[in-house]
PDB file of all heavy atoms in Angstrom:
ATOM      1  N   PHE A   1     119.305 116.365  78.963  1.00  0.00           N
ATOM      2  CA  PHE A   1     119.323 116.272  80.431  1.00  0.00           C
ATOM      3  C   PHE A   1     117.911 116.282  81.040  1.00  0.00           C
ATOM      4  O   PHE A   1     117.781 116.263  82.260  1.00  0.00           O
ATOM      5  CB  PHE A   1     120.152 117.376  81.039  1.00  0.00           C
ATOM      6  CG  PHE A   1     121.644 117.199  80.847  1.00  0.00           C
ATOM      7  CD1 PHE A   1     122.493 118.269  81.036  1.00  0.00           C
ATOM      8  CD2 PHE A   1     122.193 115.993  80.484  1.00  0.00           C
ATOM      9  CE1 PHE A   1     123.863 118.116  80.858  1.00  0.00           C
ATOM     10  CE2 PHE A   1     123.561 115.799  80.292  1.00  0.00           C
ATOM     11  CZ  PHE A   1     124.403 116.868  80.499  1.00  0.00           C
ATOM     12  N   MET A   2     116.888 116.328  80.200  1.00  0.00           N
ATOM     13  CA  MET A   2     115.527 116.335  80.736  1.00  0.00           C
ATOM     14  C   MET A   2     115.284 115.076  81.559  1.00  0.00           C
ATOM     15  O   MET A   2     115.589 113.961  81.158  1.00  0.00           O
ATOM     16  CB  MET A   2     114.521 116.360  79.566  1.00  0.00           C
ATOM     17  CG  MET A   2     113.077 116.190  79.983  1.00  0.00           C
ATOM     18  SD  MET A   2     112.481 117.612  80.918  1.00  0.00           S
ATOM     19  CE  MET A   2     110.809 117.107  81.273  1.00  0.00           C
ATOM     20  N   GLY A   3     114.777 115.257  82.792  1.00  0.00           N
ATOM     21  CA  GLY A   3     114.494 114.133  83.667  1.00  0.00           C
ATOM     22  C   GLY A   3     115.711 113.519  84.336  1.00  0.00           C
ATOM     23  O   GLY A   3     115.645 112.434  84.919  1.00  0.00           O
ATOM     24  N   LEU A   4     116.821 114.245  84.313  1.00  0.00           N
ATOM     25  CA  LEU A   4     118.071 113.749  84.911  1.00  0.00           C
ATOM     26  C   LEU A   4     117.864 113.496  86.419  1.00  0.00           C
ATOM     27  O   LEU A   4     117.232 114.286  87.111  1.00  0.00           O
ATOM     28  CB  LEU A   4     119.167 114.805  84.738  1.00  0.00           C
ATOM     29  CG  LEU A   4     120.619 114.390  85.049  1.00  0.00           C
ATOM     30  CD1 LEU A   4     121.097 113.385  84.048  1.00  0.00           C
ATOM     31  CD2 LEU A   4     121.509 115.654  85.053  1.00  0.00           C
ATOM     32  N   LEU A   5     118.415 112.379  86.905  1.00  0.00           N
ATOM     33  CA  LEU A   5     118.319 112.046  88.321  1.00  0.00           C
ATOM     34  C   LEU A   5     119.530 112.587  89.057  1.00  0.00           C
ATOM     35  O   LEU A   5     120.678 112.278  88.700  1.00  0.00           O
ATOM     36  CB  LEU A   5     118.204 110.548  88.529  1.00  0.00           C
ATOM     37  CG  LEU A   5     116.766 110.006  88.695  1.00  0.00           C
ATOM     38  CD1 LEU A   5     115.905 110.324  87.467  1.00  0.00           C
ATOM     39  CD2 LEU A   5     116.776 108.511  88.956  1.00  0.00           C
ATOM     40  N   ARG A   6     119.288 113.398  90.106  1.00  0.00           N
ATOM     41  CA  ARG A   6     120.335 113.982  90.929  1.00  0.00           C
ATOM     42  C   ARG A   6     119.947 113.839  92.410  1.00  0.00           C
ATOM     43  O   ARG A   6     118.788 114.039  92.753  1.00  0.00           O
ATOM     44  CB  ARG A   6     120.542 115.465  90.631  1.00  0.00           C
ATOM     45  CG  ARG A   6     121.054 115.786  89.242  1.00  0.00           C
ATOM     46  CD  ARG A   6     121.073 117.283  89.021  1.00  0.00           C
ATOM     47  NE  ARG A   6     121.871 117.943  90.019  1.00  0.00           N
ATOM     48  CZ  ARG A   6     121.629 119.220  90.465  1.00  0.00           C
ATOM     49  NH1 ARG A   6     120.588 119.885  90.013  1.00  0.00           N
ATOM     50  NH2 ARG A   6     122.418 119.742  91.371  1.00  0.00           N
ATOM     51  N   ALA A   7     120.917 113.542  93.224  1.00  0.00           N
ATOM     52  CA  ALA A   7     120.685 113.487  94.677  1.00  0.00           C
ATOM     53  C   ALA A   7     120.891 114.891  95.236  1.00  0.00           C
ATOM     54  O   ALA A   7     121.956 115.238  95.676  1.00  0.00           O
ATOM     55  CB  ALA A   7     121.665 112.525  95.317  1.00  0.00           C
ATOM     56  N   ARG A   8     119.822 115.677  95.204  1.00  0.00           N
ATOM     57  CA  ARG A   8     119.913 117.065  95.630  1.00  0.00           C
ATOM     58  C   ARG A   8     118.734 117.579  96.404  1.00  0.00           C
ATOM     59  O   ARG A   8     118.696 118.730  96.870  1.00  0.00           O
ATOM     60  CB  ARG A   8     120.222 117.961  94.436  1.00  0.00           C
ATOM     61  CG  ARG A   8     119.160 117.991  93.336  1.00  0.00           C
ATOM     62  CD  ARG A   8     118.191 119.126  93.552  1.00  0.00           C
ATOM     63  NE  ARG A   8     117.262 119.352  92.452  1.00  0.00           N
ATOM     64  CZ  ARG A   8     116.161 120.081  92.601  1.00  0.00           C
ATOM     65  NH1 ARG A   8     115.861 120.630  93.758  1.00  0.00           N
ATOM     66  NH2 ARG A   8     115.342 120.255  91.582  1.00  0.00           N
ATOM     67  N   GLY A   9     117.675 116.780  96.619  1.00  0.00           N
ATOM     68  CA  GLY A   9     116.441 117.248  97.268  1.00  0.00           C
ATOM     69  C   GLY A   9     116.572 117.242  98.795  1.00  0.00           C
ATOM     70  O   GLY A   9     117.001 116.258  99.399  1.00  0.00           O
ATOM     71  N   LEU A  10     116.220 118.374  99.405  1.00  0.00           N
ATOM     72  CA  LEU A  10     116.189 118.485 100.849  1.00  0.00           C
ATOM     73  C   LEU A  10     114.850 118.078 101.407  1.00  0.00           C
ATOM     74  O   LEU A  10     114.727 117.740 102.592  1.00  0.00           O
ATOM     75  CB  LEU A  10     116.517 119.907 101.275  1.00  0.00           C
ATOM     76  CG  LEU A  10     117.955 120.379 101.002  1.00  0.00           C
ATOM     77  CD1 LEU A  10     118.075 121.870 101.309  1.00  0.00           C
ATOM     78  CD2 LEU A  10     118.925 119.588 101.862  1.00  0.00           C
ATOM     79  N   ASN A  11     113.837 118.135 100.578  1.00  0.00           N
ATOM     80  CA  ASN A  11     112.466 117.751 100.958  1.00  0.00           C
ATOM     81  C   ASN A  11     111.899 116.807  99.939  1.00  0.00           C
ATOM     82  O   ASN A  11     112.422 116.704  98.807  1.00  0.00           O
ATOM     83  CB  ASN A  11     111.563 118.985 101.093  1.00  0.00           C
ATOM     84  CG  ASN A  11     112.115 119.986 102.072  1.00  0.00           C
ATOM     85  OD1 ASN A  11     111.975 119.825 103.274  1.00  0.00           O
ATOM     86  ND2 ASN A  11     112.737 121.049 101.558  1.00  0.00           N
ATOM     87  N   VAL A  12     110.805 116.133 100.270  1.00  0.00           N
ATOM     88  CA  VAL A  12     110.137 115.250  99.325  1.00  0.00           C
ATOM     89  C   VAL A  12     108.956 116.003  98.719  1.00  0.00           C
ATOM     90  O   VAL A  12     107.951 116.250  99.380  1.00  0.00           O
ATOM     91  CB  VAL A  12     109.672 113.954 100.009  1.00  0.00           C
ATOM     92  CG1 VAL A  12     108.890 113.085  99.011  1.00  0.00           C
ATOM     93  CG2 VAL A  12     110.842 113.198 100.584  1.00  0.00           C
ATOM     94  N   ASN A  13     109.115 116.406  97.493  1.00  0.00           N
ATOM     95  CA  ASN A  13     108.056 117.014  96.699  1.00  0.00           C
ATOM     96  C   ASN A  13     107.782 116.146  95.492  1.00  0.00           C
ATOM     97  O   ASN A  13     108.224 115.001  95.425  1.00  0.00           O
ATOM     98  CB  ASN A  13     108.457 118.454  96.307  1.00  0.00           C
ATOM     99  CG  ASN A  13     108.621 119.338  97.522  1.00  0.00           C
ATOM    100  OD1 ASN A  13     107.689 119.493  98.311  1.00  0.00           O
ATOM    101  ND2 ASN A  13     109.792 119.938  97.702  1.00  0.00           N
ATOM    102  N   ASP A  14     107.037 116.646  94.521  1.00  0.00           N
ATOM    103  CA  ASP A  14     106.617 115.816  93.389  1.00  0.00           C
ATOM    104  C   ASP A  14     107.797 115.240  92.601  1.00  0.00           C
ATOM    105  O   ASP A  14     107.709 114.108  92.121  1.00  0.00           O
ATOM    106  CB  ASP A  14     105.708 116.630  92.446  1.00  0.00           C
ATOM    107  CG  ASP A  14     104.336 116.868  93.046  1.00  0.00           C
ATOM    108  OD1 ASP A  14     103.987 116.178  94.060  1.00  0.00           O
ATOM    109  OD2 ASP A  14     103.619 117.739  92.530  1.00  0.00           O
ATOM    110  N   TRP A  15     108.875 116.001  92.442  1.00  0.00           N
ATOM    111  CA  TRP A  15     110.010 115.513  91.661  1.00  0.00           C
ATOM    112  C   TRP A  15     110.814 114.442  92.378  1.00  0.00           C
ATOM    113  O   TRP A  15     111.640 113.780  91.774  1.00  0.00           O
ATOM    114  CB  TRP A  15     110.911 116.690  91.290  1.00  0.00           C
ATOM    115  CG  TRP A  15     110.331 117.651  90.301  1.00  0.00           C
ATOM    116  CD1 TRP A  15     109.083 117.636  89.769  1.00  0.00           C
ATOM    117  CD2 TRP A  15     111.006 118.785  89.743  1.00  0.00           C
ATOM    118  NE1 TRP A  15     108.895 118.700  88.903  1.00  0.00           N
ATOM    119  CE2 TRP A  15     110.052 119.426  88.868  1.00  0.00           C
ATOM    120  CE3 TRP A  15     112.261 119.343  89.885  1.00  0.00           C
ATOM    121  CZ2 TRP A  15     110.386 120.577  88.145  1.00  0.00           C
ATOM    122  CZ3 TRP A  15     112.578 120.503  89.166  1.00  0.00           C
ATOM    123  CH2 TRP A  15     111.657 121.106  88.327  1.00  0.00           C
ATOM    124  N   GLU A  16     110.585 114.276  93.671  1.00  0.00           N
ATOM    125  CA  GLU A  16     111.266 113.245  94.464  1.00  0.00           C
ATOM    126  C   GLU A  16     110.465 112.002  94.681  1.00  0.00           C
ATOM    127  O   GLU A  16     110.847 111.135  95.478  1.00  0.00           O
ATOM    128  CB  GLU A  16     111.695 113.829  95.833  1.00  0.00           C
ATOM    129  CG  GLU A  16     112.825 114.843  95.787  1.00  0.00           C
ATOM    130  CD  GLU A  16     112.375 116.197  95.281  1.00  0.00           C
ATOM    131  OE1 GLU A  16     111.253 116.609  95.599  1.00  0.00           O
ATOM    132  OE2 GLU A  16     113.153 116.855  94.559  1.00  0.00           O
ATOM    133  N   LYS A  17     109.350 111.864  94.007  1.00  0.00           N
ATOM    134  CA  LYS A  17     108.469 110.712  94.184  1.00  0.00           C
ATOM    135  C   LYS A  17     108.579 109.737  93.010  1.00  0.00           C
ATOM    136  O   LYS A  17     108.432 110.159  91.842  1.00  0.00           O
ATOM    137  CB  LYS A  17     107.011 111.167  94.369  1.00  0.00           C
ATOM    138  CG  LYS A  17     106.795 111.972  95.657  1.00  0.00           C
ATOM    139  CD  LYS A  17     105.360 112.477  95.786  1.00  0.00           C
ATOM    140  CE  LYS A  17     105.159 113.248  97.075  1.00  0.00           C
ATOM    141  NZ  LYS A  17     103.792 113.764  97.225  1.00  0.00           N
ATOM    142  N   PHE A  18     108.795 108.501  93.322  1.00  0.00           N
ATOM    143  CA  PHE A  18     109.002 107.446  92.295  1.00  0.00           C
ATOM    144  C   PHE A  18     108.110 106.256  92.618  1.00  0.00           C
ATOM    145  O   PHE A  18     107.530 106.169  93.684  1.00  0.00           O
ATOM    146  CB  PHE A  18     110.456 107.027  92.274  1.00  0.00           C
ATOM    147  CG  PHE A  18     111.419 108.104  91.938  1.00  0.00           C
ATOM    148  CD1 PHE A  18     111.974 108.908  92.921  1.00  0.00           C
ATOM    149  CD2 PHE A  18     111.796 108.344  90.623  1.00  0.00           C
ATOM    150  CE1 PHE A  18     112.852 109.939  92.618  1.00  0.00           C
ATOM    151  CE2 PHE A  18     112.672 109.369  90.303  1.00  0.00           C
ATOM    152  CZ  PHE A  18     113.211 110.168  91.289  1.00  0.00           C
ATOM    153  N   TRP A  19     108.047 105.355  91.649  1.00  0.00           N
ATOM    154  CA  TRP A  19     107.419 104.030  91.899  1.00  0.00           C
ATOM    155  C   TRP A  19     108.463 102.994  91.502  1.00  0.00           C
ATOM    156  O   TRP A  19     109.019 103.017  90.403  1.00  0.00           O
ATOM    157  CB  TRP A  19     106.155 103.850  91.100  1.00  0.00           C
ATOM    158  CG  TRP A  19     105.443 102.614  91.557  1.00  0.00           C
ATOM    159  CD1 TRP A  19     105.364 101.407  90.943  1.00  0.00           C
ATOM    160  CD2 TRP A  19     104.739 102.474  92.787  1.00  0.00           C
ATOM    161  NE1 TRP A  19     104.635 100.503  91.700  1.00  0.00           N
ATOM    162  CE2 TRP A  19     104.255 101.146  92.852  1.00  0.00           C
ATOM    163  CE3 TRP A  19     104.467 103.319  93.864  1.00  0.00           C
ATOM    164  CZ2 TRP A  19     103.530 100.650  93.929  1.00  0.00           C
ATOM    165  CZ3 TRP A  19     103.743 102.842  94.939  1.00  0.00           C
ATOM    166  CH2 TRP A  19     103.280 101.536  94.977  1.00  0.00           C
ATOM    167  N   VAL A  20     108.739 102.056  92.423  1.00  0.00           N
ATOM    168  CA  VAL A  20     109.680 100.991  92.198  1.00  0.00           C
ATOM    169  C   VAL A  20     108.930  99.684  92.135  1.00  0.00           C
ATOM    170  O   VAL A  20     108.055  99.396  92.957  1.00  0.00           O
ATOM    171  CB  VAL A  20     110.704 100.930  93.352  1.00  0.00           C
ATOM    172  CG1 VAL A  20     111.703  99.790  93.130  1.00  0.00           C
ATOM    173  CG2 VAL A  20     111.434 102.261  93.503  1.00  0.00           C
ATOM    174  N   ASP A  21     109.209  98.871  91.125  1.00  0.00           N
ATOM    175  CA  ASP A  21     108.537  97.592  90.950  1.00  0.00           C
ATOM    176  C   ASP A  21     109.548  96.579  90.467  1.00  0.00           C
ATOM    177  O   ASP A  21     110.527  96.931  89.797  1.00  0.00           O
ATOM    178  CB  ASP A  21     107.382  97.695  89.974  1.00  0.00           C
ATOM    179  CG  ASP A  21     106.356  96.588  90.167  1.00  0.00           C
ATOM    180  OD1 ASP A  21     106.520  95.784  91.085  1.00  0.00           O
ATOM    181  OD2 ASP A  21     105.405  96.523  89.377  1.00  0.00           O
ATOM    182  N   CYS A  22     109.347  95.302  90.813  1.00  0.00           N
ATOM    183  CA  CYS A  22     110.280  94.262  90.437  1.00  0.00           C
ATOM    184  C   CYS A  22     109.576  93.002  89.930  1.00  0.00           C
ATOM    185  O   CYS A  22     108.468  92.674  90.382  1.00  0.00           O
ATOM    186  CB  CYS A  22     111.137  93.853  91.641  1.00  0.00           C
ATOM    187  SG  CYS A  22     112.354  95.085  92.110  1.00  0.00           S
ATOM    188  N   THR A  23     110.215  92.320  89.013  1.00  0.00           N
ATOM    189  CA  THR A  23     109.858  90.973  88.630  1.00  0.00           C
ATOM    190  C   THR A  23     110.869  90.056  89.305  1.00  0.00           C
ATOM    191  O   THR A  23     111.673  90.501  90.145  1.00  0.00           O
ATOM    192  CB  THR A  23     109.917  90.777  87.110  1.00  0.00           C
ATOM    193  OG1 THR A  23     111.275  90.858  86.682  1.00  0.00           O
ATOM    194  CG2 THR A  23     109.122  91.859  86.400  1.00  0.00           C
ATOM    195  N   GLN A  24     110.903  88.794  88.930  1.00  0.00           N
ATOM    196  CA  GLN A  24     111.898  87.873  89.492  1.00  0.00           C
ATOM    197  C   GLN A  24     113.300  88.155  88.985  1.00  0.00           C
ATOM    198  O   GLN A  24     114.267  87.647  89.556  1.00  0.00           O
ATOM    199  CB  GLN A  24     111.499  86.430  89.223  1.00  0.00           C
ATOM    200  CG  GLN A  24     110.251  85.977  89.997  1.00  0.00           C
ATOM    201  CD  GLN A  24     109.997  84.501  89.868  1.00  0.00           C
ATOM    202  OE1 GLN A  24     110.707  83.789  89.157  1.00  0.00           O
ATOM    203  NE2 GLN A  24     109.005  84.015  90.573  1.00  0.00           N
ATOM    204  N   SER A  25     113.431  88.928  87.914  1.00  0.00           N
ATOM    205  CA  SER A  25     114.764  89.108  87.329  1.00  0.00           C
ATOM    206  C   SER A  25     115.250  90.542  87.275  1.00  0.00           C
ATOM    207  O   SER A  25     116.435  90.793  87.055  1.00  0.00           O
ATOM    208  CB  SER A  25     114.791  88.533  85.895  1.00  0.00           C
ATOM    209  OG  SER A  25     113.788  89.120  85.095  1.00  0.00           O
ATOM    210  N   TYR A  26     114.341  91.516  87.470  1.00  0.00           N
ATOM    211  CA  TYR A  26     114.825  92.905  87.419  1.00  0.00           C
ATOM    212  C   TYR A  26     113.816  93.837  88.086  1.00  0.00           C
ATOM    213  O   TYR A  26     112.663  93.469  88.359  1.00  0.00           O
ATOM    214  CB  TYR A  26     115.052  93.361  85.966  1.00  0.00           C
ATOM    215  CG  TYR A  26     113.801  93.416  85.126  1.00  0.00           C
ATOM    216  CD1 TYR A  26     112.976  94.535  85.106  1.00  0.00           C
ATOM    217  CD2 TYR A  26     113.436  92.339  84.319  1.00  0.00           C
ATOM    218  CE1 TYR A  26     111.821  94.570  84.337  1.00  0.00           C
ATOM    219  CE2 TYR A  26     112.308  92.356  83.544  1.00  0.00           C
ATOM    220  CZ  TYR A  26     111.508  93.514  83.551  1.00  0.00           C
ATOM    221  OH  TYR A  26     110.345  93.571  82.788  1.00  0.00           O
ATOM    222  N   CYS A  27     114.290  95.052  88.334  1.00  0.00           N
ATOM    223  CA  CYS A  27     113.420  96.099  88.938  1.00  0.00           C
ATOM    224  C   CYS A  27     113.360  97.290  87.965  1.00  0.00           C
ATOM    225  O   CYS A  27     114.291  97.544  87.224  1.00  0.00           O
ATOM    226  CB  CYS A  27     113.996  96.568  90.279  1.00  0.00           C
ATOM    227  SG  CYS A  27     114.163  95.287  91.521  1.00  0.00           S
ATOM    228  N   THR A  28     112.278  98.046  88.059  1.00  0.00           N
ATOM    229  CA  THR A  28     112.148  99.293  87.324  1.00  0.00           C
ATOM    230  C   THR A  28     111.877 100.411  88.289  1.00  0.00           C
ATOM    231  O   THR A  28     111.339 100.236  89.383  1.00  0.00           O
ATOM    232  CB  THR A  28     111.022  99.239  86.269  1.00  0.00           C
ATOM    233  OG1 THR A  28     109.767  98.936  86.933  1.00  0.00           O
ATOM    234  CG2 THR A  28     111.277  98.165  85.232  1.00  0.00           C
ATOM    235  N   ILE A  29     112.263 101.643  87.882  1.00  0.00           N
ATOM    236  CA  ILE A  29     112.015 102.847  88.645  1.00  0.00           C
ATOM    237  C   ILE A  29     111.304 103.826  87.729  1.00  0.00           C
ATOM    238  O   ILE A  29     111.739 104.072  86.632  1.00  0.00           O
ATOM    239  CB  ILE A  29     113.340 103.469  89.139  1.00  0.00           C
ATOM    240  CG1 ILE A  29     114.153 102.441  89.959  1.00  0.00           C
ATOM    241  CG2 ILE A  29     113.078 104.723  89.960  1.00  0.00           C
ATOM    242  CD1 ILE A  29     115.578 102.879  90.228  1.00  0.00           C
ATOM    243  N   LYS A  30     110.205 104.346  88.203  1.00  0.00           N
ATOM    244  CA  LYS A  30     109.408 105.272  87.392  1.00  0.00           C
ATOM    245  C   LYS A  30     109.194 106.574  88.147  1.00  0.00           C
ATOM    246  O   LYS A  30     108.846 106.556  89.332  1.00  0.00           O
ATOM    247  CB  LYS A  30     108.079 104.659  87.007  1.00  0.00           C
ATOM    248  CG  LYS A  30     107.193 105.548  86.151  1.00  0.00           C
ATOM    249  CD  LYS A  30     105.825 104.909  85.875  1.00  0.00           C
ATOM    250  CE  LYS A  30     105.923 103.838  84.820  1.00  0.00           C
ATOM    251  NZ  LYS A  30     104.555 103.354  84.433  1.00  0.00           N
ATOM    252  N   SER A  31     109.385 107.702  87.481  1.00  0.00           N
ATOM    253  CA  SER A  31     109.045 108.997  88.053  1.00  0.00           C
ATOM    254  C   SER A  31     107.524 109.156  88.061  1.00  0.00           C
ATOM    255  O   SER A  31     106.883 108.991  87.003  1.00  0.00           O
ATOM    256  CB  SER A  31     109.674 110.140  87.273  1.00  0.00           C
ATOM    257  OG  SER A  31     109.090 111.383  87.618  1.00  0.00           O
ATOM    258  N   LEU A  32     106.961 109.458  89.185  1.00  0.00           N
ATOM    259  CA  LEU A  32     105.523 109.681  89.249  1.00  0.00           C
ATOM    260  C   LEU A  32     105.117 111.031  88.679  1.00  0.00           C
ATOM    261  O   LEU A  32     103.947 111.250  88.360  1.00  0.00           O
ATOM    262  CB  LEU A  32     105.006 109.548  90.681  1.00  0.00           C
ATOM    263  CG  LEU A  32     105.073 108.138  91.257  1.00  0.00           C
ATOM    264  CD1 LEU A  32     104.492 108.097  92.681  1.00  0.00           C
ATOM    265  CD2 LEU A  32     104.359 107.130  90.374  1.00  0.00           C
ATOM    266  N   PHE A  33     106.066 111.938  88.507  1.00  0.00           N
ATOM    267  CA  PHE A  33     105.743 113.244  87.986  1.00  0.00           C
ATOM    268  C   PHE A  33     105.447 113.178  86.476  1.00  0.00           C
ATOM    269  O   PHE A  33     104.458 113.740  86.006  1.00  0.00           O
ATOM    270  CB  PHE A  33     106.877 114.236  88.227  1.00  0.00           C
ATOM    271  CG  PHE A  33     106.545 115.665  87.839  1.00  0.00           C
ATOM    272  CD1 PHE A  33     105.866 116.496  88.739  1.00  0.00           C
ATOM    273  CD2 PHE A  33     106.866 116.165  86.605  1.00  0.00           C
ATOM    274  CE1 PHE A  33     105.534 117.786  88.379  1.00  0.00           C
ATOM    275  CE2 PHE A  33     106.545 117.450  86.225  1.00  0.00           C
ATOM    276  CZ  PHE A  33     105.863 118.267  87.124  1.00  0.00           C
ATOM    277  N   ASN A  34     106.320 112.497  85.721  1.00  0.00           N
ATOM    278  CA  ASN A  34     106.077 112.440  84.283  1.00  0.00           C
ATOM    279  C   ASN A  34     105.700 111.032  83.785  1.00  0.00           C
ATOM    280  O   ASN A  34     105.524 110.789  82.589  1.00  0.00           O
ATOM    281  CB  ASN A  34     107.296 112.930  83.506  1.00  0.00           C
ATOM    282  CG  ASN A  34     108.501 112.028  83.614  1.00  0.00           C
ATOM    283  OD1 ASN A  34     108.502 111.030  84.346  1.00  0.00           O
ATOM    284  ND2 ASN A  34     109.556 112.365  82.862  1.00  0.00           N
ATOM    285  N   ASN A  35     105.598 110.081  84.769  1.00  0.00           N
ATOM    286  CA  ASN A  35     105.178 108.706  84.451  1.00  0.00           C
ATOM    287  C   ASN A  35     106.132 108.035  83.457  1.00  0.00           C
ATOM    288  O   ASN A  35     105.707 107.231  82.616  1.00  0.00           O
ATOM    289  CB  ASN A  35     103.766 108.675  83.902  1.00  0.00           C
ATOM    290  CG  ASN A  35     103.096 107.317  84.088  1.00  0.00           C
ATOM    291  OD1 ASN A  35     103.295 106.631  85.080  1.00  0.00           O
ATOM    292  ND2 ASN A  35     102.310 106.924  83.086  1.00  0.00           N
ATOM    293  N   LYS A  36     107.418 108.354  83.565  1.00  0.00           N
ATOM    294  CA  LYS A  36     108.442 107.749  82.688  1.00  0.00           C
ATOM    295  C   LYS A  36     109.403 106.880  83.464  1.00  0.00           C
ATOM    296  O   LYS A  36     109.742 107.191  84.631  1.00  0.00           O
ATOM    297  CB  LYS A  36     109.229 108.871  81.989  1.00  0.00           C
ATOM    298  CG  LYS A  36     108.389 109.807  81.100  1.00  0.00           C
ATOM    299  CD  LYS A  36     107.914 109.128  79.870  1.00  0.00           C
ATOM    300  CE  LYS A  36     107.087 110.046  78.970  1.00  0.00           C
ATOM    301  NZ  LYS A  36     107.871 111.138  78.439  1.00  0.00           N
ATOM    302  N   TYR A  37     109.847 105.792  82.845  1.00  0.00           N
ATOM    303  CA  TYR A  37     110.820 104.925  83.446  1.00  0.00           C
ATOM    304  C   TYR A  37     112.204 105.545  83.428  1.00  0.00           C
ATOM    305  O   TYR A  37     112.556 106.309  82.515  1.00  0.00           O
ATOM    306  CB  TYR A  37     110.866 103.589  82.700  1.00  0.00           C
ATOM    307  CG  TYR A  37     109.644 102.725  82.854  1.00  0.00           C
ATOM    308  CD1 TYR A  37     108.719 102.613  81.831  1.00  0.00           C
ATOM    309  CD2 TYR A  37     109.439 102.011  84.030  1.00  0.00           C
ATOM    310  CE1 TYR A  37     107.595 101.834  81.958  1.00  0.00           C
ATOM    311  CE2 TYR A  37     108.298 101.223  84.162  1.00  0.00           C
ATOM    312  CZ  TYR A  37     107.378 101.137  83.150  1.00  0.00           C
ATOM    313  OH  TYR A  37     106.275 100.356  83.305  1.00  0.00           O
TER     314      TYR A  37
END
């Protein structure tokens, strides 16, 4: 369950920050805290 995504944050802190990027065929989501997709 390490890095599990849950909708539970009341505030935006480090664990709630992501980077979203897309190509013409798909998007990726990366956690900025551990730099993992």
